[in-house]
Amino acid sequence: MQPDEEDVVHTLVTGGARSGKSRFALDLALRELCGDVSSPRALFIATASVRDDEMRQRVEAHKRERGRQWHTIEEEIELGSCLSKNIEDFDVAVIDCLGMWVTNILLTESKILETEAKNLEQALNQSSKPVILVSNEVGLGIVPENRLARQFRDMLGNINQKFARLCSRVILMVAGIPLVVKGPVP
């Protein structure tokens, strides 16, 4: 069953590093989109690839910050499949973050990005529950001097455009302040 487009509000939250994207997405999910905040059924899909001790510590700190109200699934590449398999058991999902997801794909096999993006788009279109996507805004800086950085910037910029078009709401975070770019104000 495909939900009515007006019934489900998917949201893209984007912004720079340490702009408050993740905290805002988590708060929005629990405050506005979860059915029963005393007993939320919230899904967090983490895309981080743990490659060193510092990243491991960050991941553990984020898990503690989210608390027990969040069910966390770690998925580095197959976001569409993961979302499709799990979303109906929850009231809301947060996917954090598309920037790390693009990095994971870029470092493994960049040719699959288009296929995986289509899979995620299909999962969002079929979801009867709201999904919040978190991503980094990479279009405000200088052109990187090395090829890999330019490739990442271009790939993520295109992904952000794709999901900004697809989502009913787009929010740009600036210094912890949400600026509604598209859609209903939360």
C-alpha atoms as a PDB file:
ATOM      1  CA  MET A   1       0.000   0.000   0.000  1.00  0.00           C
ATOM      2  CA  GLN A   2       1.387   3.390  -0.948  1.00  0.00           C
ATOM      3  CA  PRO A   3       0.552   6.148   1.554  1.00  0.00           C
ATOM      4  CA  ASP A   4      -1.088   9.378   0.456  1.00  0.00           C
ATOM      5  CA  GLU A   5       1.654  11.957  -0.079  1.00  0.00           C
ATOM      6  CA  GLU A   6      -0.103  14.456   2.195  1.00  0.00           C
ATOM      7  CA  ASP A   7      -0.392  11.987   5.079  1.00  0.00           C
ATOM      8  CA  VAL A   8       3.314  11.317   5.607  1.00  0.00           C
ATOM      9  CA  VAL A   9       5.808  14.124   6.053  1.00  0.00           C
ATOM     10  CA  HIS A  10       9.367  13.065   5.318  1.00  0.00           C
ATOM     11  CA  THR A  11      11.981  15.607   6.358  1.00  0.00           C
ATOM     12  CA  LEU A  12      15.521  16.391   5.238  1.00  0.00           C
ATOM     13  CA  VAL A  13      17.581  18.158   7.907  1.00  0.00           C
ATOM     14  CA  THR A  14      20.820  19.564   6.546  1.00  0.00           C
ATOM     15  CA  GLY A  15      23.516  21.926   7.731  1.00  0.00           C
ATOM     16  CA  GLY A  16      27.197  22.255   8.438  1.00  0.00           C
ATOM     17  CA  ALA A  17      29.317  20.373  10.962  1.00  0.00           C
ATOM     18  CA  ARG A  18      28.123  20.903  14.534  1.00  0.00           C
ATOM     19  CA  SER A  19      25.105  22.889  13.383  1.00  0.00           C
ATOM     20  CA  GLY A  20      22.694  20.874  15.550  1.00  0.00           C
ATOM     21  CA  LYS A  21      21.272  18.675  12.772  1.00  0.00           C
ATOM     22  CA  SER A  22      21.190  15.391  14.661  1.00  0.00           C
ATOM     23  CA  ARG A  23      19.846  16.819  17.937  1.00  0.00           C
ATOM     24  CA  PHE A  24      17.119  18.672  16.051  1.00  0.00           C
ATOM     25  CA  ALA A  25      16.163  15.555  14.066  1.00  0.00           C
ATOM     26  CA  LEU A  26      15.911  13.444  17.229  1.00  0.00           C
ATOM     27  CA  ASP A  27      13.875  16.094  19.047  1.00  0.00           C
ATOM     28  CA  LEU A  28      11.578  16.576  16.058  1.00  0.00           C
ATOM     29  CA  ALA A  29      10.998  12.847  15.802  1.00  0.00           C
ATOM     30  CA  LEU A  30      10.044  12.436  19.443  1.00  0.00           C
ATOM     31  CA  ARG A  31       8.215  15.745  19.907  1.00  0.00           C
ATOM     32  CA  GLU A  32       6.150  15.913  16.749  1.00  0.00           C
ATOM     33  CA  LEU A  33       6.102  12.615  14.978  1.00  0.00           C
ATOM     34  CA  CYS A  34       6.056   9.849  17.573  1.00  0.00           C
ATOM     35  CA  GLY A  35       2.621   8.667  18.660  1.00  0.00           C
ATOM     36  CA  ASP A  36       3.180   8.177  22.405  1.00  0.00           C
ATOM     37  CA  VAL A  37       6.151  10.123  23.768  1.00  0.00           C
ATOM     38  CA  SER A  38       6.015   8.233  27.068  1.00  0.00           C
ATOM     39  CA  SER A  39       6.742   5.043  25.153  1.00  0.00           C
ATOM     40  CA  PRO A  40       8.079   6.019  21.738  1.00  0.00           C
ATOM     41  CA  ARG A  41       8.726   3.489  19.020  1.00  0.00           C
ATOM     42  CA  ALA A  42      11.567   5.301  17.326  1.00  0.00           C
ATOM     43  CA  LEU A  43      14.063   3.806  14.877  1.00  0.00           C
ATOM     44  CA  PHE A  44      17.537   5.245  14.402  1.00  0.00           C
ATOM     45  CA  ILE A  45      19.485   4.024  11.376  1.00  0.00           C
ATOM     46  CA  ALA A  46      23.148   4.876  11.844  1.00  0.00           C
ATOM     47  CA  THR A  47      25.389   5.003   8.799  1.00  0.00           C
ATOM     48  CA  ALA A  48      28.700   5.617  10.571  1.00  0.00           C
ATOM     49  CA  SER A  49      31.548   3.312   9.706  1.00  0.00           C
ATOM     50  CA  VAL A  50      33.701   2.754  12.768  1.00  0.00           C
ATOM     51  CA  ARG A  51      37.275   2.783  11.498  1.00  0.00           C
ATOM     52  CA  ASP A  52      39.209   4.004  14.564  1.00  0.00           C
ATOM     53  CA  ASP A  53      38.980   4.473  18.345  1.00  0.00           C
ATOM     54  CA  GLU A  54      37.936   8.117  18.141  1.00  0.00           C
ATOM     55  CA  MET A  55      34.974   7.205  15.917  1.00  0.00           C
ATOM     56  CA  ARG A  56      34.088   4.301  18.208  1.00  0.00           C
ATOM     57  CA  GLN A  57      33.945   6.733  21.154  1.00  0.00           C
ATOM     58  CA  ARG A  58      31.744   9.125  19.177  1.00  0.00           C
ATOM     59  CA  VAL A  59      29.325   6.341  18.271  1.00  0.00           C
ATOM     60  CA  GLU A  60      29.078   5.178  21.896  1.00  0.00           C
ATOM     61  CA  ALA A  61      28.514   8.749  23.114  1.00  0.00           C
ATOM     62  CA  HIS A  62      25.731   9.238  20.563  1.00  0.00           C
ATOM     63  CA  LYS A  63      24.062   5.983  21.630  1.00  0.00           C
ATOM     64  CA  ARG A  64      24.106   7.140  25.266  1.00  0.00           C
ATOM     65  CA  GLU A  65      22.689  10.539  24.275  1.00  0.00           C
ATOM     66  CA  ARG A  66      19.814   8.940  22.356  1.00  0.00           C
ATOM     67  CA  GLY A  67      18.888   6.723  25.256  1.00  0.00           C
ATOM     68  CA  ARG A  68      16.790   3.607  25.391  1.00  0.00           C
ATOM     69  CA  GLN A  69      13.801   5.098  23.605  1.00  0.00           C
ATOM     70  CA  TRP A  70      15.640   4.626  20.317  1.00  0.00           C
ATOM     71  CA  HIS A  71      16.117   1.287  18.605  1.00  0.00           C
ATOM     72  CA  THR A  72      19.396   1.580  16.687  1.00  0.00           C
ATOM     73  CA  ILE A  73      20.326  -0.326  13.559  1.00  0.00           C
ATOM     74  CA  GLU A  74      23.736   0.186  12.013  1.00  0.00           C
ATOM     75  CA  GLU A  75      23.651   0.088   8.217  1.00  0.00           C
ATOM     76  CA  GLU A  76      26.445   1.588   6.173  1.00  0.00           C
ATOM     77  CA  ILE A  77      25.156   1.133   2.614  1.00  0.00           C
ATOM     78  CA  GLU A  78      21.751  -0.533   2.073  1.00  0.00           C
ATOM     79  CA  LEU A  79      19.554   2.164   3.620  1.00  0.00           C
ATOM     80  CA  GLY A  80      16.520   1.517   1.427  1.00  0.00           C
ATOM     81  CA  SER A  81      16.445  -2.161   2.238  1.00  0.00           C
ATOM     82  CA  CYS A  82      17.006  -1.501   5.940  1.00  0.00           C
ATOM     83  CA  LEU A  83      14.238   1.094   6.088  1.00  0.00           C
ATOM     84  CA  SER A  84      11.773  -1.097   4.179  1.00  0.00           C
ATOM     85  CA  LYS A  85      12.405  -4.090   6.439  1.00  0.00           C
ATOM     86  CA  ASN A  86      12.030  -2.177   9.693  1.00  0.00           C
ATOM     87  CA  ILE A  87       9.929   0.990   9.434  1.00  0.00           C
ATOM     88  CA  GLU A  88       6.505  -0.564   9.981  1.00  0.00           C
ATOM     89  CA  ASP A  89       7.513  -1.647  13.505  1.00  0.00           C
ATOM     90  CA  PHE A  90       8.093   1.980  14.517  1.00  0.00           C
ATOM     91  CA  ASP A  91       6.294   5.335  14.637  1.00  0.00           C
ATOM     92  CA  VAL A  92       9.169   7.287  13.102  1.00  0.00           C
ATOM     93  CA  ALA A  93      12.698   6.786  11.769  1.00  0.00           C
ATOM     94  CA  VAL A  94      15.787   8.960  11.677  1.00  0.00           C
ATOM     95  CA  ILE A  95      18.574   8.148   9.231  1.00  0.00           C
ATOM     96  CA  ASP A  96      21.827   9.814  10.262  1.00  0.00           C
ATOM     97  CA  CYS A  97      23.594  10.673   8.050  1.00  0.00           C
ATOM     98  CA  LEU A  98      23.562  10.754   4.271  1.00  0.00           C
ATOM     99  CA  GLY A  99      27.059  12.267   4.209  1.00  0.00           C
ATOM    100  CA  MET A 100      28.535   9.246   5.947  1.00  0.00           C
ATOM    101  CA  TRP A 101      26.466   6.977   3.692  1.00  0.00           C
ATOM    102  CA  VAL A 102      27.900   8.619   0.566  1.00  0.00           C
ATOM    103  CA  THR A 103      31.388   8.318   2.087  1.00  0.00           C
ATOM    104  CA  ASN A 104      30.882   4.601   2.720  1.00  0.00           C
ATOM    105  CA  ILE A 105      29.745   4.049  -0.854  1.00  0.00           C
ATOM    106  CA  LEU A 106      32.518   6.223  -2.284  1.00  0.00           C
ATOM    107  CA  LEU A 107      35.142   4.236  -0.372  1.00  0.00           C
ATOM    108  CA  THR A 108      33.730   0.852  -1.434  1.00  0.00           C
ATOM    109  CA  GLU A 109      32.080   1.050  -4.843  1.00  0.00           C
ATOM    110  CA  SER A 110      30.855   4.443  -6.007  1.00  0.00           C
ATOM    111  CA  LYS A 111      29.010   2.905  -8.971  1.00  0.00           C
ATOM    112  CA  ILE A 112      26.261   1.636  -6.640  1.00  0.00           C
ATOM    113  CA  LEU A 113      25.262   5.097  -5.350  1.00  0.00           C
ATOM    114  CA  GLU A 114      22.564   5.610  -7.979  1.00  0.00           C
ATOM    115  CA  THR A 115      21.053   2.172  -7.308  1.00  0.00           C
ATOM    116  CA  GLU A 116      21.150   2.617  -3.529  1.00  0.00           C
ATOM    117  CA  ALA A 117      19.653   6.112  -3.834  1.00  0.00           C
ATOM    118  CA  LYS A 118      16.789   4.699  -5.908  1.00  0.00           C
ATOM    119  CA  ASN A 119      16.260   1.977  -3.284  1.00  0.00           C
ATOM    120  CA  LEU A 120      16.077   4.601  -0.519  1.00  0.00           C
ATOM    121  CA  GLU A 121      13.718   6.743  -2.596  1.00  0.00           C
ATOM    122  CA  GLN A 122      11.436   3.741  -3.133  1.00  0.00           C
ATOM    123  CA  ALA A 123      11.481   2.904   0.588  1.00  0.00           C
ATOM    124  CA  LEU A 124      10.517   6.488   1.460  1.00  0.00           C
ATOM    125  CA  ASN A 125       7.741   6.519  -1.123  1.00  0.00           C
ATOM    126  CA  GLN A 126       6.308   3.313   0.293  1.00  0.00           C
ATOM    127  CA  SER A 127       6.669   4.235   3.966  1.00  0.00           C
ATOM    128  CA  SER A 128       3.490   4.947   5.872  1.00  0.00           C
ATOM    129  CA  LYS A 129       5.599   6.383   8.700  1.00  0.00           C
ATOM    130  CA  PRO A 130       7.560   9.651   8.743  1.00  0.00           C
ATOM    131  CA  VAL A 131      11.294   9.478   8.088  1.00  0.00           C
ATOM    132  CA  ILE A 132      13.836  12.171   8.905  1.00  0.00           C
ATOM    133  CA  LEU A 133      17.028  12.186   6.851  1.00  0.00           C
ATOM    134  CA  VAL A 134      20.064  14.005   8.235  1.00  0.00           C
ATOM    135  CA  SER A 135      22.742  15.231   5.850  1.00  0.00           C
ATOM    136  CA  ASN A 136      25.686  17.589   5.642  1.00  0.00           C
ATOM    137  CA  GLU A 137      25.460  20.733   3.559  1.00  0.00           C
ATOM    138  CA  VAL A 138      28.589  20.760   1.416  1.00  0.00           C
ATOM    139  CA  GLY A 139      27.802  23.474  -1.106  1.00  0.00           C
ATOM    140  CA  LEU A 140      28.821  26.510   0.921  1.00  0.00           C
ATOM    141  CA  GLY A 141      32.590  26.035   0.943  1.00  0.00           C
ATOM    142  CA  ILE A 142      35.407  26.385  -1.542  1.00  0.00           C
ATOM    143  CA  VAL A 143      36.045  23.883  -4.306  1.00  0.00           C
ATOM    144  CA  PRO A 144      38.279  21.188  -2.773  1.00  0.00           C
ATOM    145  CA  GLU A 145      41.748  20.869  -4.272  1.00  0.00           C
ATOM    146  CA  ASN A 146      41.800  17.074  -4.480  1.00  0.00           C
ATOM    147  CA  ARG A 147      39.772  14.807  -6.742  1.00  0.00           C
ATOM    148  CA  LEU A 148      38.289  12.556  -4.009  1.00  0.00           C
ATOM    149  CA  ALA A 149      37.007  15.539  -2.016  1.00  0.00           C
ATOM    150  CA  ARG A 150      35.451  17.077  -5.150  1.00  0.00           C
ATOM    151  CA  GLN A 151      33.859  13.741  -6.015  1.00  0.00           C
ATOM    152  CA  PHE A 152      32.389  13.488  -2.498  1.00  0.00           C
ATOM    153  CA  ARG A 153      31.096  17.065  -2.603  1.00  0.00           C
ATOM    154  CA  ASP A 154      29.440  16.497  -5.977  1.00  0.00           C
ATOM    155  CA  MET A 155      27.933  13.143  -5.020  1.00  0.00           C
ATOM    156  CA  LEU A 156      26.515  14.405  -1.718  1.00  0.00           C
ATOM    157  CA  GLY A 157      25.292  17.630  -3.299  1.00  0.00           C
ATOM    158  CA  ASN A 158      23.330  15.611  -5.862  1.00  0.00           C
ATOM    159  CA  ILE A 159      21.959  13.279  -3.164  1.00  0.00           C
ATOM    160  CA  ASN A 160      20.858  16.270  -1.067  1.00  0.00           C
ATOM    161  CA  GLN A 161      19.060  17.757  -4.072  1.00  0.00           C
ATOM    162  CA  LYS A 162      17.353  14.449  -4.832  1.00  0.00           C
ATOM    163  CA  PHE A 163      16.034  13.956  -1.304  1.00  0.00           C
ATOM    164  CA  ALA A 164      15.174  17.643  -0.830  1.00  0.00           C
ATOM    165  CA  ARG A 165      12.853  17.295  -3.850  1.00  0.00           C
ATOM    166  CA  LEU A 166      11.386  14.083  -2.465  1.00  0.00           C
ATOM    167  CA  CYS A 167      10.826  15.232   1.117  1.00  0.00           C
ATOM    168  CA  SER A 168       7.812  17.322   2.108  1.00  0.00           C
ATOM    169  CA  ARG A 169       9.944  19.392   4.465  1.00  0.00           C
ATOM    170  CA  VAL A 170      13.546  20.615   4.307  1.00  0.00           C
ATOM    171  CA  ILE A 171      15.239  22.283   7.257  1.00  0.00           C
ATOM    172  CA  LEU A 172      18.622  23.996   7.181  1.00  0.00           C
ATOM    173  CA  MET A 173      20.352  24.159  10.560  1.00  0.00           C
ATOM    174  CA  VAL A 174      22.520  27.200  11.231  1.00  0.00           C
ATOM    175  CA  ALA A 175      24.263  27.504  14.622  1.00  0.00           C
ATOM    176  CA  GLY A 176      21.584  25.351  16.259  1.00  0.00           C
ATOM    177  CA  ILE A 177      18.700  27.296  14.747  1.00  0.00           C
ATOM    178  CA  PRO A 178      16.336  25.546  12.314  1.00  0.00           C
ATOM    179  CA  LEU A 179      15.465  27.456   9.160  1.00  0.00           C
ATOM    180  CA  VAL A 180      12.525  25.957   7.267  1.00  0.00           C
ATOM    181  CA  VAL A 181      13.449  25.920   3.583  1.00  0.00           C
ATOM    182  CA  LYS A 182      10.472  23.923   2.360  1.00  0.00           C
ATOM    183  CA  GLY A 183       7.230  22.614   3.794  1.00  0.00           C
ATOM    184  CA  PRO A 184       5.363  22.898   7.087  1.00  0.00           C
ATOM    185  CA  VAL A 185       6.984  24.519  10.095  1.00  0.00           C
ATOM    186  CA  PRO A 186       7.528  21.937  12.859  1.00  0.00           C
END
